[in-house]
Structures are given as C-alpha cells and as structure tokens.
Amino acid sequence: MSVYGELSRYTLYFNRYVRIVKYWCKIIDSNNIIVNNLNSTLLDDMTRGKCNWASRVKQLLCNAGFTHVWDNPISINFKHFPVAYKNAIINDFKNSWLLS
C-alpha cells in the first residue's frame, strides 16, 4: 500500500469497481424491458438470500458509504455518480494507507 501511496497509483481493482458501478448505473437508467426484467429478477433473488451480481454491487456501494444510493438509485445523477464513487474509494484507500 505504501508504494501505491508514494507513487500516487492505485490498485487495478479500483478501475474494475468503477466500471461495475458505471454498468449498474446504465442498467438502472435503462428503458429496455428485457434489462429491467433481468434487474428485477436479480433483485428478487437477492432478497431471497442468493448471492449474485446485484448483491455484489450493493456490497461495493455500501462499503464505500453509498447505501442511500442503493436504496434510492433514482435520486442520483448517473453521469456524475461513478466519479463520486471513484473519489470515495480513493479517499478510503488514502486514509487506510495513512493510518497503517
């Protein structure tokens, strides 16, 4: 972690997480009936306790402090939220680096 912090670089999973959140934003904002039905099925399975892609997205958002976004996704600006998410996970990384 200290090498990443000293060089102002971040691990590769940051970009992966941001892409996952961007894709989730596209799914939530979609008007496609098939995509909406698939999302509803994922959410139904998740409420039954199954671990799937939607539960992983929820975990990513909650770990970054964006539980309110998962609970009410319509309230966010889908174009700007991935940037806010990326800044949040970078700040969390910096804080954990400084504390260690």
PDB file of N, CA and C in Angstrom:
ATOM      1  N   MET A   1       0.822  -1.194   0.000  1.00  0.00           N
ATOM      2  CA  MET A   1       0.000   0.000   0.000  1.00  0.00           C
ATOM      3  C   MET A   1       0.865   1.256   0.000  1.00  0.00           C
ATOM      4  N   SER A   2       1.969   1.200   0.711  1.00  0.00           N
ATOM      5  CA  SER A   2       2.801   2.400   0.792  1.00  0.00           C
ATOM      6  C   SER A   2       3.418   2.748  -0.563  1.00  0.00           C
ATOM      7  N   VAL A   3       3.763   1.736  -1.353  1.00  0.00           N
ATOM      8  CA  VAL A   3       4.311   2.001  -2.683  1.00  0.00           C
ATOM      9  C   VAL A   3       3.264   2.686  -3.553  1.00  0.00           C
ATOM     10  N   TYR A   4       2.038   2.174  -3.508  1.00  0.00           N
ATOM     11  CA  TYR A   4       0.963   2.817  -4.266  1.00  0.00           C
ATOM     12  C   TYR A   4       0.760   4.257  -3.806  1.00  0.00           C
ATOM     13  N   GLY A   5       0.759   4.459  -2.497  1.00  0.00           N
ATOM     14  CA  GLY A   5       0.543   5.791  -1.958  1.00  0.00           C
ATOM     15  C   GLY A   5       1.651   6.757  -2.306  1.00  0.00           C
ATOM     16  N   GLU A   6       2.880   6.297  -2.218  1.00  0.00           N
ATOM     17  CA  GLU A   6       4.012   7.166  -2.540  1.00  0.00           C
ATOM     18  C   GLU A   6       4.037   7.555  -4.014  1.00  0.00           C
ATOM     19  N   LEU A   7       3.624   6.647  -4.878  1.00  0.00           N
ATOM     20  CA  LEU A   7       3.645   6.907  -6.311  1.00  0.00           C
ATOM     21  C   LEU A   7       2.334   7.481  -6.845  1.00  0.00           C
ATOM     22  N   SER A   8       1.367   7.696  -5.962  1.00  0.00           N
ATOM     23  CA  SER A   8       0.029   8.177  -6.340  1.00  0.00           C
ATOM     24  C   SER A   8      -0.618   7.266  -7.372  1.00  0.00           C
ATOM     25  N   ARG A   9      -0.415   5.983  -7.194  1.00  0.00           N
ATOM     26  CA  ARG A   9      -1.032   4.960  -8.042  1.00  0.00           C
ATOM     27  C   ARG A   9      -2.020   4.183  -7.193  1.00  0.00           C
ATOM     28  N   TYR A  10      -2.930   3.512  -7.857  1.00  0.00           N
ATOM     29  CA  TYR A  10      -3.941   2.745  -7.148  1.00  0.00           C
ATOM     30  C   TYR A  10      -4.044   1.365  -7.768  1.00  0.00           C
ATOM     31  N   THR A  11      -4.498   0.431  -6.982  1.00  0.00           N
ATOM     32  CA  THR A  11      -4.572  -0.944  -7.464  1.00  0.00           C
ATOM     33  C   THR A  11      -5.591  -1.053  -8.599  1.00  0.00           C
ATOM     34  N   LEU A  12      -5.453  -2.103  -9.370  1.00  0.00           N
ATOM     35  CA  LEU A  12      -6.285  -2.272 -10.559  1.00  0.00           C
ATOM     36  C   LEU A  12      -7.754  -2.502 -10.239  1.00  0.00           C
ATOM     37  N   TYR A  13      -8.042  -3.007  -9.045  1.00  0.00           N
ATOM     38  CA  TYR A  13      -9.441  -3.265  -8.737  1.00  0.00           C
ATOM     39  C   TYR A  13     -10.259  -1.987  -8.630  1.00  0.00           C
ATOM     40  N   PHE A  14      -9.621  -0.830  -8.427  1.00  0.00           N
ATOM     41  CA  PHE A  14     -10.367   0.425  -8.407  1.00  0.00           C
ATOM     42  C   PHE A  14     -11.077   0.642  -9.729  1.00  0.00           C
ATOM     43  N   ASN A  15     -10.353   0.476 -10.826  1.00  0.00           N
ATOM     44  CA  ASN A  15     -10.964   0.663 -12.149  1.00  0.00           C
ATOM     45  C   ASN A  15     -12.060  -0.356 -12.393  1.00  0.00           C
ATOM     46  N   ARG A  16     -11.859  -1.591 -11.931  1.00  0.00           N
ATOM     47  CA  ARG A  16     -12.884  -2.627 -12.099  1.00  0.00           C
ATOM     48  C   ARG A  16     -14.143  -2.255 -11.326  1.00  0.00           C
ATOM     49  N   TYR A  17     -13.983  -1.801 -10.099  1.00  0.00           N
ATOM     50  CA  TYR A  17     -15.144  -1.414  -9.291  1.00  0.00           C
ATOM     51  C   TYR A  17     -15.892  -0.246  -9.921  1.00  0.00           C
ATOM     52  N   VAL A  18     -15.167   0.723 -10.438  1.00  0.00           N
ATOM     53  CA  VAL A  18     -15.808   1.885 -11.068  1.00  0.00           C
ATOM     54  C   VAL A  18     -16.573   1.445 -12.318  1.00  0.00           C
ATOM     55  N   ARG A  19     -16.004   0.527 -13.095  1.00  0.00           N
ATOM     56  CA  ARG A  19     -16.717   0.032 -14.280  1.00  0.00           C
ATOM     57  C   ARG A  19     -17.977  -0.730 -13.890  1.00  0.00           C
ATOM     58  N   ILE A  20     -17.909  -1.491 -12.810  1.00  0.00           N
ATOM     59  CA  ILE A  20     -19.098  -2.208 -12.331  1.00  0.00           C
ATOM     60  C   ILE A  20     -20.186  -1.208 -11.954  1.00  0.00           C
ATOM     61  N   VAL A  21     -19.805  -0.159 -11.249  1.00  0.00           N
ATOM     62  CA  VAL A  21     -20.786   0.850 -10.825  1.00  0.00           C
ATOM     63  C   VAL A  21     -21.333   1.609 -12.034  1.00  0.00           C
ATOM     64  N   LYS A  22     -20.487   1.902 -13.021  1.00  0.00           N
ATOM     65  CA  LYS A  22     -20.977   2.563 -14.243  1.00  0.00           C
ATOM     66  C   LYS A  22     -21.999   1.684 -14.961  1.00  0.00           C
ATOM     67  N   TYR A  23     -21.709   0.401 -15.040  1.00  0.00           N
ATOM     68  CA  TYR A  23     -22.628  -0.528 -15.706  1.00  0.00           C
ATOM     69  C   TYR A  23     -23.941  -0.626 -14.940  1.00  0.00           C
ATOM     70  N   TRP A  24     -23.861  -0.652 -13.600  1.00  0.00           N
ATOM     71  CA  TRP A  24     -25.069  -0.685 -12.774  1.00  0.00           C
ATOM     72  C   TRP A  24     -25.907   0.575 -13.024  1.00  0.00           C
ATOM     73  N   CYS A  25     -25.249   1.720 -13.147  1.00  0.00           N
ATOM     74  CA  CYS A  25     -25.969   2.969 -13.439  1.00  0.00           C
ATOM     75  C   CYS A  25     -26.687   2.883 -14.781  1.00  0.00           C
ATOM     76  N   LYS A  26     -26.040   2.283 -15.787  1.00  0.00           N
ATOM     77  CA  LYS A  26     -26.679   2.128 -17.089  1.00  0.00           C
ATOM     78  C   LYS A  26     -27.892   1.208 -16.994  1.00  0.00           C
ATOM     79  N   ILE A  27     -27.780   0.152 -16.195  1.00  0.00           N
ATOM     80  CA  ILE A  27     -28.902  -0.774 -16.030  1.00  0.00           C
ATOM     81  C   ILE A  27     -30.078  -0.085 -15.343  1.00  0.00           C
ATOM     82  N   ILE A  28     -29.806   0.657 -14.298  1.00  0.00           N
ATOM     83  CA  ILE A  28     -30.873   1.342 -13.557  1.00  0.00           C
ATOM     84  C   ILE A  28     -31.540   2.402 -14.431  1.00  0.00           C
ATOM     85  N   ASP A  29     -30.761   3.071 -15.259  1.00  0.00           N
ATOM     86  CA  ASP A  29     -31.274   4.157 -16.088  1.00  0.00           C
ATOM     87  C   ASP A  29     -31.869   3.662 -17.407  1.00  0.00           C
ATOM     88  N   SER A  30     -31.817   2.361 -17.664  1.00  0.00           N
ATOM     89  CA  SER A  30     -32.251   1.801 -18.941  1.00  0.00           C
ATOM     90  C   SER A  30     -33.775   1.804 -19.073  1.00  0.00           C
ATOM     91  N   ASN A  31     -34.228   1.973 -20.298  1.00  0.00           N
ATOM     92  CA  ASN A  31     -35.655   1.869 -20.608  1.00  0.00           C
ATOM     93  C   ASN A  31     -35.981   0.548 -21.295  1.00  0.00           C
ATOM     94  N   ASN A  32     -34.997  -0.307 -21.448  1.00  0.00           N
ATOM     95  CA  ASN A  32     -35.165  -1.589 -22.106  1.00  0.00           C
ATOM     96  C   ASN A  32     -35.919  -2.551 -21.187  1.00  0.00           C
ATOM     97  N   ILE A  33     -36.994  -3.127 -21.672  1.00  0.00           N
ATOM     98  CA  ILE A  33     -37.840  -4.013 -20.869  1.00  0.00           C
ATOM     99  C   ILE A  33     -37.082  -5.269 -20.444  1.00  0.00           C
ATOM    100  N   ILE A  34     -36.280  -5.810 -21.340  1.00  0.00           N
ATOM    101  CA  ILE A  34     -35.533  -7.027 -21.019  1.00  0.00           C
ATOM    102  C   ILE A  34     -34.524  -6.759 -19.910  1.00  0.00           C
ATOM    103  N   VAL A  35     -33.822  -5.661 -20.000  1.00  0.00           N
ATOM    104  CA  VAL A  35     -32.836  -5.305 -18.978  1.00  0.00           C
ATOM    105  C   VAL A  35     -33.532  -5.052 -17.643  1.00  0.00           C
ATOM    106  N   ASN A  36     -34.656  -4.362 -17.671  1.00  0.00           N
ATOM    107  CA  ASN A  36     -35.400  -4.099 -16.436  1.00  0.00           C
ATOM    108  C   ASN A  36     -35.924  -5.389 -15.807  1.00  0.00           C
ATOM    109  N   ASN A  37     -36.401  -6.328 -16.631  1.00  0.00           N
ATOM    110  CA  ASN A  37     -36.861  -7.614 -16.097  1.00  0.00           C
ATOM    111  C   ASN A  37     -35.707  -8.410 -15.493  1.00  0.00           C
ATOM    112  N   LEU A  38     -34.572  -8.392 -16.153  1.00  0.00           N
ATOM    113  CA  LEU A  38     -33.399  -9.081 -15.626  1.00  0.00           C
ATOM    114  C   LEU A  38     -32.973  -8.474 -14.291  1.00  0.00           C
ATOM    115  N   ASN A  39     -32.976  -7.156 -14.203  1.00  0.00           N
ATOM    116  CA  ASN A  39     -32.624  -6.488 -12.956  1.00  0.00           C
ATOM    117  C   ASN A  39     -33.620  -6.840 -11.853  1.00  0.00           C
ATOM    118  N   SER A  40     -34.888  -6.879 -12.180  1.00  0.00           N
ATOM    119  CA  SER A  40     -35.906  -7.259 -11.187  1.00  0.00           C
ATOM    120  C   SER A  40     -35.689  -8.683 -10.694  1.00  0.00           C
ATOM    121  N   THR A  41     -35.338  -9.581 -11.596  1.00  0.00           N
ATOM    122  CA  THR A  41     -35.066 -10.966 -11.218  1.00  0.00           C
ATOM    123  C   THR A  41     -33.852 -11.052 -10.301  1.00  0.00           C
ATOM    124  N   LEU A  42     -32.810 -10.299 -10.617  1.00  0.00           N
ATOM    125  CA  LEU A  42     -31.624 -10.283  -9.757  1.00  0.00           C
ATOM    126  C   LEU A  42     -31.960  -9.759  -8.368  1.00  0.00           C
ATOM    127  N   LEU A  43     -32.761  -8.701  -8.305  1.00  0.00           N
ATOM    128  CA  LEU A  43     -33.143  -8.136  -7.012  1.00  0.00           C
ATOM    129  C   LEU A  43     -34.017  -9.102  -6.214  1.00  0.00           C
ATOM    130  N   ASP A  44     -34.940  -9.809  -6.891  1.00  0.00           N
ATOM    131  CA  ASP A  44     -35.770 -10.796  -6.215  1.00  0.00           C
ATOM    132  C   ASP A  44     -34.932 -11.934  -5.652  1.00  0.00           C
ATOM    133  N   ASP A  45     -33.985 -12.415  -6.446  1.00  0.00           N
ATOM    134  CA  ASP A  45     -33.093 -13.474  -5.972  1.00  0.00           C
ATOM    135  C   ASP A  45     -32.256 -12.995  -4.794  1.00  0.00           C
ATOM    136  N   MET A  46     -31.830 -11.760  -4.847  1.00  0.00           N
ATOM    137  CA  MET A  46     -31.012 -11.200  -3.772  1.00  0.00           C
ATOM    138  C   MET A  46     -31.804 -11.119  -2.468  1.00  0.00           C
ATOM    139  N   THR A  47     -33.078 -10.727  -2.561  1.00  0.00           N
ATOM    140  CA  THR A  47     -33.894 -10.647  -1.348  1.00  0.00           C
ATOM    141  C   THR A  47     -34.172 -12.029  -0.765  1.00  0.00           C
ATOM    142  N   ARG A  48     -34.072 -13.079  -1.591  1.00  0.00           N
ATOM    143  CA  ARG A  48     -34.225 -14.448  -1.103  1.00  0.00           C
ATOM    144  C   ARG A  48     -32.928 -15.007  -0.524  1.00  0.00           C
ATOM    145  N   GLY A  49     -31.882 -14.189  -0.521  1.00  0.00           N
ATOM    146  CA  GLY A  49     -30.629 -14.616   0.085  1.00  0.00           C
ATOM    147  C   GLY A  49     -29.592 -15.162  -0.862  1.00  0.00           C
ATOM    148  N   LYS A  50     -29.872 -15.142  -2.147  1.00  0.00           N
ATOM    149  CA  LYS A  50     -28.898 -15.635  -3.113  1.00  0.00           C
ATOM    150  C   LYS A  50     -27.835 -14.571  -3.373  1.00  0.00           C
ATOM    151  N   CYS A  51     -26.615 -15.027  -3.541  1.00  0.00           N
ATOM    152  CA  CYS A  51     -25.512 -14.121  -3.858  1.00  0.00           C
ATOM    153  C   CYS A  51     -25.395 -14.041  -5.378  1.00  0.00           C
ATOM    154  N   ASN A  52     -25.547 -12.843  -5.910  1.00  0.00           N
ATOM    155  CA  ASN A  52     -25.451 -12.648  -7.354  1.00  0.00           C
ATOM    156  C   ASN A  52     -24.777 -11.317  -7.643  1.00  0.00           C
ATOM    157  N   TRP A  53     -24.806 -10.914  -8.895  1.00  0.00           N
ATOM    158  CA  TRP A  53     -24.139  -9.690  -9.301  1.00  0.00           C
ATOM    159  C   TRP A  53     -24.720  -8.469  -8.578  1.00  0.00           C
ATOM    160  N   ALA A  54     -26.023  -8.422  -8.416  1.00  0.00           N
ATOM    161  CA  ALA A  54     -26.665  -7.283  -7.755  1.00  0.00           C
ATOM    162  C   ALA A  54     -26.241  -7.189  -6.291  1.00  0.00           C
ATOM    163  N   SER A  55     -26.106  -8.325  -5.625  1.00  0.00           N
ATOM    164  CA  SER A  55     -25.672  -8.292  -4.227  1.00  0.00           C
ATOM    165  C   SER A  55     -24.231  -7.808  -4.118  1.00  0.00           C
ATOM    166  N   ARG A  56     -23.420  -8.115  -5.097  1.00  0.00           N
ATOM    167  CA  ARG A  56     -22.031  -7.637  -5.109  1.00  0.00           C
ATOM    168  C   ARG A  56     -21.994  -6.124  -5.345  1.00  0.00           C
ATOM    169  N   VAL A  57     -22.842  -5.627  -6.209  1.00  0.00           N
ATOM    170  CA  VAL A  57     -22.908  -4.174  -6.435  1.00  0.00           C
ATOM    171  C   VAL A  57     -23.363  -3.479  -5.156  1.00  0.00           C
ATOM    172  N   LYS A  58     -24.354  -4.044  -4.499  1.00  0.00           N
ATOM    173  CA  LYS A  58     -24.817  -3.474  -3.230  1.00  0.00           C
ATOM    174  C   LYS A  58     -23.685  -3.437  -2.216  1.00  0.00           C
ATOM    175  N   GLN A  59     -22.913  -4.502  -2.147  1.00  0.00           N
ATOM    176  CA  GLN A  59     -21.786  -4.562  -1.222  1.00  0.00           C
ATOM    177  C   GLN A  59     -20.747  -3.493  -1.557  1.00  0.00           C
ATOM    178  N   LEU A  60     -20.443  -3.315  -2.834  1.00  0.00           N
ATOM    179  CA  LEU A  60     -19.482  -2.283  -3.242  1.00  0.00           C
ATOM    180  C   LEU A  60     -19.965  -0.892  -2.837  1.00  0.00           C
ATOM    181  N   LEU A  61     -21.231  -0.615  -3.088  1.00  0.00           N
ATOM    182  CA  LEU A  61     -21.772   0.704  -2.752  1.00  0.00           C
ATOM    183  C   LEU A  61     -21.805   0.924  -1.244  1.00  0.00           C
ATOM    184  N   CYS A  62     -22.235  -0.076  -0.504  1.00  0.00           N
ATOM    185  CA  CYS A  62     -22.320   0.064   0.954  1.00  0.00           C
ATOM    186  C   CYS A  62     -20.942   0.209   1.586  1.00  0.00           C
ATOM    187  N   ASN A  63     -19.961  -0.516   1.080  1.00  0.00           N
ATOM    188  CA  ASN A  63     -18.604  -0.407   1.618  1.00  0.00           C
ATOM    189  C   ASN A  63     -18.008   0.970   1.385  1.00  0.00           C
ATOM    190  N   ALA A  64     -18.440   1.639   0.334  1.00  0.00           N
ATOM    191  CA  ALA A  64     -17.948   2.988   0.034  1.00  0.00           C
ATOM    192  C   ALA A  64     -18.791   4.064   0.701  1.00  0.00           C
ATOM    193  N   GLY A  65     -19.820   3.678   1.436  1.00  0.00           N
ATOM    194  CA  GLY A  65     -20.665   4.655   2.128  1.00  0.00           C
ATOM    195  C   GLY A  65     -21.812   5.182   1.295  1.00  0.00           C
ATOM    196  N   PHE A  66     -22.201   4.449   0.281  1.00  0.00           N
ATOM    197  CA  PHE A  66     -23.290   4.878  -0.596  1.00  0.00           C
ATOM    198  C   PHE A  66     -24.512   3.972  -0.465  1.00  0.00           C
ATOM    199  N   THR A  67     -24.861   3.613   0.739  1.00  0.00           N
ATOM    200  CA  THR A  67     -26.043   2.778   0.964  1.00  0.00           C
ATOM    201  C   THR A  67     -27.303   3.492   0.485  1.00  0.00           C
ATOM    202  N   HIS A  68     -27.352   4.796   0.691  1.00  0.00           N
ATOM    203  CA  HIS A  68     -28.517   5.573   0.253  1.00  0.00           C
ATOM    204  C   HIS A  68     -28.704   5.513  -1.262  1.00  0.00           C
ATOM    205  N   VAL A  69     -27.619   5.373  -1.995  1.00  0.00           N
ATOM    206  CA  VAL A  69     -27.716   5.279  -3.453  1.00  0.00           C
ATOM    207  C   VAL A  69     -28.353   3.953  -3.846  1.00  0.00           C
ATOM    208  N   TRP A  70     -27.972   2.881  -3.160  1.00  0.00           N
ATOM    209  CA  TRP A  70     -28.574   1.572  -3.452  1.00  0.00           C
ATOM    210  C   TRP A  70     -30.062   1.603  -3.103  1.00  0.00           C
ATOM    211  N   ASP A  71     -30.400   2.210  -1.966  1.00  0.00           N
ATOM    212  CA  ASP A  71     -31.792   2.233  -1.514  1.00  0.00           C
ATOM    213  C   ASP A  71     -32.676   3.107  -2.402  1.00  0.00           C
ATOM    214  N   ASN A  72     -32.127   4.172  -2.948  1.00  0.00           N
ATOM    215  CA  ASN A  72     -32.903   5.096  -3.772  1.00  0.00           C
ATOM    216  C   ASN A  72     -32.066   5.536  -4.982  1.00  0.00           C
ATOM    217  N   PRO A  73     -31.888   4.650  -5.962  1.00  0.00           N
ATOM    218  CA  PRO A  73     -30.988   4.971  -7.088  1.00  0.00           C
ATOM    219  C   PRO A  73     -31.501   6.065  -8.007  1.00  0.00           C
ATOM    220  N   ILE A  74     -32.779   6.333  -7.985  1.00  0.00           N
ATOM    221  CA  ILE A  74     -33.337   7.351  -8.876  1.00  0.00           C
ATOM    222  C   ILE A  74     -32.889   8.752  -8.451  1.00  0.00           C
ATOM    223  N   SER A  75     -32.471   8.900  -7.209  1.00  0.00           N
ATOM    224  CA  SER A  75     -32.113  10.221  -6.692  1.00  0.00           C
ATOM    225  C   SER A  75     -30.733  10.704  -7.111  1.00  0.00           C
ATOM    226  N   ILE A  76     -29.973   9.883  -7.842  1.00  0.00           N
ATOM    227  CA  ILE A  76     -28.608  10.278  -8.192  1.00  0.00           C
ATOM    228  C   ILE A  76     -28.511  10.695  -9.653  1.00  0.00           C
ATOM    229  N   ASN A  77     -27.451  11.406  -9.948  1.00  0.00           N
ATOM    230  CA  ASN A  77     -27.123  11.765 -11.324  1.00  0.00           C
ATOM    231  C   ASN A  77     -26.205  10.666 -11.846  1.00  0.00           C
ATOM    232  N   PHE A  78     -26.694   9.865 -12.767  1.00  0.00           N
ATOM    233  CA  PHE A  78     -25.964   8.694 -13.228  1.00  0.00           C
ATOM    234  C   PHE A  78     -24.675   9.037 -13.978  1.00  0.00           C
ATOM    235  N   LYS A  79     -24.582  10.240 -14.503  1.00  0.00           N
ATOM    236  CA  LYS A  79     -23.366  10.630 -15.218  1.00  0.00           C
ATOM    237  C   LYS A  79     -22.245  11.010 -14.262  1.00  0.00           C
ATOM    238  N   HIS A  80     -22.589  11.567 -13.114  1.00  0.00           N
ATOM    239  CA  HIS A  80     -21.576  12.050 -12.183  1.00  0.00           C
ATOM    240  C   HIS A  80     -21.312  11.095 -11.023  1.00  0.00           C
ATOM    241  N   PHE A  81     -22.193  10.152 -10.786  1.00  0.00           N
ATOM    242  CA  PHE A  81     -22.017   9.281  -9.639  1.00  0.00           C
ATOM    243  C   PHE A  81     -20.774   8.399  -9.720  1.00  0.00           C
ATOM    244  N   PRO A  82     -20.422   7.802 -10.871  1.00  0.00           N
ATOM    245  CA  PRO A  82     -19.198   6.979 -10.894  1.00  0.00           C
ATOM    246  C   PRO A  82     -17.940   7.753 -10.485  1.00  0.00           C
ATOM    247  N   VAL A  83     -17.878   9.034 -10.802  1.00  0.00           N
ATOM    248  CA  VAL A  83     -16.734   9.858 -10.395  1.00  0.00           C
ATOM    249  C   VAL A  83     -16.737  10.026  -8.875  1.00  0.00           C
ATOM    250  N   ALA A  84     -17.906  10.275  -8.310  1.00  0.00           N
ATOM    251  CA  ALA A  84     -18.010  10.406  -6.857  1.00  0.00           C
ATOM    252  C   ALA A  84     -17.652   9.092  -6.168  1.00  0.00           C
ATOM    253  N   TYR A  85     -18.080   7.981  -6.760  1.00  0.00           N
ATOM    254  CA  TYR A  85     -17.742   6.671  -6.201  1.00  0.00           C
ATOM    255  C   TYR A  85     -16.233   6.436  -6.242  1.00  0.00           C
ATOM    256  N   LYS A  86     -15.611   6.751  -7.368  1.00  0.00           N
ATOM    257  CA  LYS A  86     -14.162   6.560  -7.501  1.00  0.00           C
ATOM    258  C   LYS A  86     -13.416   7.422  -6.491  1.00  0.00           C
ATOM    259  N   ASN A  87     -13.833   8.674  -6.329  1.00  0.00           N
ATOM    260  CA  ASN A  87     -13.194   9.550  -5.346  1.00  0.00           C
ATOM    261  C   ASN A  87     -13.342   9.001  -3.933  1.00  0.00           C
ATOM    262  N   ALA A  88     -14.489   8.413  -3.638  1.00  0.00           N
ATOM    263  CA  ALA A  88     -14.716   7.863  -2.301  1.00  0.00           C
ATOM    264  C   ALA A  88     -13.804   6.669  -2.017  1.00  0.00           C
ATOM    265  N   ILE A  89     -13.652   5.769  -2.998  1.00  0.00           N
ATOM    266  CA  ILE A  89     -12.800   4.608  -2.730  1.00  0.00           C
ATOM    267  C   ILE A  89     -11.320   5.007  -2.721  1.00  0.00           C
ATOM    268  N   ILE A  90     -10.946   6.015  -3.489  1.00  0.00           N
ATOM    269  CA  ILE A  90      -9.565   6.502  -3.436  1.00  0.00           C
ATOM    270  C   ILE A  90      -9.295   7.159  -2.091  1.00  0.00           C
ATOM    271  N   ASN A  91     -10.226   7.960  -1.604  1.00  0.00           N
ATOM    272  CA  ASN A  91     -10.047   8.589  -0.290  1.00  0.00           C
ATOM    273  C   ASN A  91      -9.975   7.546   0.820  1.00  0.00           C
ATOM    274  N   ASP A  92     -10.782   6.508   0.713  1.00  0.00           N
ATOM    275  CA  ASP A  92     -10.732   5.434   1.696  1.00  0.00           C
ATOM    276  C   ASP A  92      -9.375   4.729   1.660  1.00  0.00           C
ATOM    277  N   PHE A  93      -8.853   4.509   0.462  1.00  0.00           N
ATOM    278  CA  PHE A  93      -7.536   3.898   0.297  1.00  0.00           C
ATOM    279  C   PHE A  93      -6.456   4.783   0.908  1.00  0.00           C
ATOM    280  N   LYS A  94      -6.518   6.078   0.636  1.00  0.00           N
ATOM    281  CA  LYS A  94      -5.523   7.012   1.180  1.00  0.00           C
ATOM    282  C   LYS A  94      -5.586   7.031   2.706  1.00  0.00           C
ATOM    283  N   ASN A  95      -6.799   7.039   3.257  1.00  0.00           N
ATOM    284  CA  ASN A  95      -6.939   7.048   4.708  1.00  0.00           C
ATOM    285  C   ASN A  95      -6.385   5.779   5.333  1.00  0.00           C
ATOM    286  N   SER A  96      -6.646   4.633   4.718  1.00  0.00           N
ATOM    287  CA  SER A  96      -6.118   3.395   5.272  1.00  0.00           C
ATOM    288  C   SER A  96      -4.602   3.339   5.121  1.00  0.00           C
ATOM    289  N   TRP A  97      -4.071   3.938   4.062  1.00  0.00           N
ATOM    290  CA  TRP A  97      -2.635   3.967   3.888  1.00  0.00           C
ATOM    291  C   TRP A  97      -1.978   4.853   4.931  1.00  0.00           C
ATOM    292  N   LEU A  98      -2.577   6.001   5.199  1.00  0.00           N
ATOM    293  CA  LEU A  98      -2.005   6.927   6.171  1.00  0.00           C
ATOM    294  C   LEU A  98      -2.078   6.367   7.594  1.00  0.00           C
ATOM    295  N   LEU A  99      -3.091   5.570   7.881  1.00  0.00           N
ATOM    296  CA  LEU A  99      -3.243   5.004   9.221  1.00  0.00           C
ATOM    297  C   LEU A  99      -2.345   3.800   9.455  1.00  0.00           C
ATOM    298  N   SER A 100      -1.879   3.183   8.378  1.00  0.00           N
ATOM    299  CA  SER A 100      -1.049   1.987   8.575  1.00  0.00           C
ATOM    300  C   SER A 100       0.425   2.307   8.685  1.00  0.00           C
TER     301      SER A 100
END
